[in-house]
Amino acid sequence: MATPQTFEDTEAWKAARVLTQKVYTLCRREPLARDFGLCDQLRRAAVSVMNNLAEGWESIHLAEKKQAYNYARRSCGEVRSMTYVMLDNHFITAPEQLEFLTHCKFTGKLITGLIHSVDRR
């Protein structure tokens, strides 16, 4: 596997992009589309995962890099938490929630890998 040269090459950013696409697609679906607050928070958290990964990758300073990756991981957890709100309010089914949870956990693990790579420097 080739060493990533840009944030777009990282598996973590690619997974975050997929997560963001899933969130945006879901937020266009009724009845969730009418819950403007939840949709806004979901979109912001998902985009935050992508953007903080990009910001961390572009940072020269290791402490800033690690902090941005930690923010990305926290935002991923925020999306994961909101899947329970969506499930409890019947915006998604249990299988759909499981798909989101699985993808959030996968993305979080990839981000953890980036955090550990910073720690090894």
Protein backbone atom coordinates (compact mmCIF):
# COMPACT_ATOMS: atom_id res chain seq x y z
CA MET A 1 0.00 0.00 0.00
CA ALA A 2 1.44 3.34 -1.05
CA THR A 3 2.03 6.07 1.50
CA PRO A 4 -0.66 8.75 1.21
CA GLN A 5 0.62 12.01 -0.27
CA THR A 6 -2.48 14.12 0.37
CA PHE A 7 -5.36 13.99 2.82
CA GLU A 8 -7.55 12.83 -0.07
CA ASP A 9 -5.35 9.73 -0.31
CA THR A 10 -5.92 8.67 3.30
CA GLU A 11 -8.39 5.92 4.04
CA ALA A 12 -9.68 7.90 7.02
CA TRP A 13 -10.63 10.91 4.88
CA LYS A 14 -12.21 8.65 2.24
CA ALA A 15 -14.31 6.95 4.93
CA ALA A 16 -15.30 10.35 6.35
CA ARG A 17 -16.37 11.45 2.88
CA VAL A 18 -18.60 8.38 2.56
CA LEU A 19 -20.05 9.08 6.01
CA THR A 20 -20.81 12.67 5.02
CA GLN A 21 -22.50 11.51 1.82
CA LYS A 22 -24.64 9.06 3.81
CA VAL A 23 -25.65 11.81 6.24
CA TYR A 24 -26.59 14.24 3.46
CA THR A 25 -28.60 11.56 1.65
CA LEU A 26 -30.43 10.64 4.84
CA CYS A 27 -31.19 14.28 5.67
CA ARG A 28 -33.02 14.64 2.34
CA ARG A 29 -35.39 11.85 3.36
CA GLU A 30 -38.77 12.48 5.01
CA PRO A 31 -39.61 12.84 7.85
CA LEU A 32 -36.01 13.58 8.95
CA ALA A 33 -35.75 16.35 6.34
CA ARG A 34 -38.25 18.37 8.40
CA ASP A 35 -36.15 18.16 11.57
CA PHE A 36 -33.93 21.09 10.65
CA GLY A 37 -32.03 21.14 13.94
CA LEU A 38 -31.05 17.49 13.86
CA CYS A 39 -30.17 17.58 10.16
CA ASP A 40 -28.06 20.67 10.66
CA GLN A 41 -26.18 19.09 13.56
CA LEU A 42 -25.69 15.81 11.68
CA ARG A 43 -24.34 17.59 8.61
CA ARG A 44 -22.04 19.81 10.66
CA ALA A 45 -20.63 16.86 12.59
CA ALA A 46 -20.06 14.77 9.47
CA VAL A 47 -18.40 17.63 7.59
CA SER A 48 -16.31 18.31 10.71
CA VAL A 49 -14.86 14.81 10.47
CA MET A 50 -13.71 15.44 6.90
CA ASN A 51 -12.46 18.96 7.49
CA ASN A 52 -10.57 18.21 10.68
CA LEU A 53 -8.81 15.32 8.97
CA ALA A 54 -7.80 17.67 6.16
CA GLU A 55 -6.71 20.35 8.63
CA GLY A 56 -4.67 17.87 10.65
CA TRP A 57 -3.00 16.45 7.57
CA GLU A 58 -2.00 19.91 6.39
CA SER A 59 -0.63 20.98 9.76
CA ILE A 60 3.14 21.03 10.15
CA HIS A 61 3.11 21.00 13.94
CA LEU A 62 2.52 17.58 15.47
CA ALA A 63 0.50 18.88 18.43
CA GLU A 64 -1.89 20.72 16.09
CA LYS A 65 -2.07 17.69 13.81
CA LYS A 66 -3.00 15.41 16.70
CA GLN A 67 -5.53 17.91 18.05
CA ALA A 68 -7.30 18.14 14.67
CA TYR A 69 -7.40 14.35 14.39
CA ASN A 70 -8.87 14.18 17.89
CA TYR A 71 -11.56 16.69 16.88
CA ALA A 72 -12.34 14.52 13.85
CA ARG A 73 -12.68 11.44 16.04
CA ARG A 74 -14.95 13.30 18.46
CA SER A 75 -17.16 14.50 15.62
CA CYS A 76 -17.39 10.95 14.36
CA GLY A 77 -18.60 9.93 17.81
CA GLU A 78 -21.14 12.74 17.68
CA VAL A 79 -22.59 11.36 14.43
CA ARG A 80 -22.66 7.91 16.02
CA SER A 81 -24.54 9.25 19.05
CA MET A 82 -27.10 10.98 16.86
CA THR A 83 -27.96 7.67 15.20
CA TYR A 84 -29.67 6.78 18.47
CA VAL A 85 -31.75 9.97 18.30
CA MET A 86 -32.72 9.06 14.74
CA LEU A 87 -33.58 5.49 15.72
CA ASP A 88 -35.56 6.51 18.80
CA ASN A 89 -37.59 8.98 16.74
CA HIS A 90 -38.21 6.49 13.92
CA PHE A 91 -36.20 8.40 11.33
CA ILE A 92 -34.15 5.29 10.58
CA THR A 93 -34.65 1.56 11.05
CA ALA A 94 -32.52 -0.62 13.29
CA PRO A 95 -30.62 -2.08 10.29
CA GLU A 96 -29.94 1.44 8.98
CA GLN A 97 -28.65 2.48 12.39
CA LEU A 98 -26.39 -0.57 12.51
CA GLU A 99 -24.96 0.42 9.12
CA PHE A 100 -24.25 3.94 10.41
CA LEU A 101 -22.76 2.64 13.66
CA THR A 102 -20.51 0.23 11.79
CA HIS A 103 -19.28 2.92 9.42
CA CYS A 104 -18.73 5.41 12.26
CA LYS A 105 -16.72 2.86 14.23
CA PHE A 106 -14.68 1.96 11.13
CA THR A 107 -13.97 5.63 10.43
CA GLY A 108 -13.07 6.22 14.07
CA LYS A 109 -10.57 3.37 14.00
CA LEU A 110 -8.92 4.81 10.91
CA ILE A 111 -8.68 8.19 12.62
CA THR A 112 -7.19 6.50 15.69
CA GLY A 113 -4.55 5.07 13.37
CA LEU A 114 -3.64 8.59 12.27
CA ILE A 115 -3.45 9.71 15.91
CA HIS A 116 -1.12 6.81 16.72
CA SER A 117 1.03 7.65 13.70
CA VAL A 118 1.51 11.14 15.13
CA ASP A 119 2.42 9.64 18.52
CA ARG A 120 5.11 7.49 16.87
CA ARG A 121 6.90 10.54 15.40
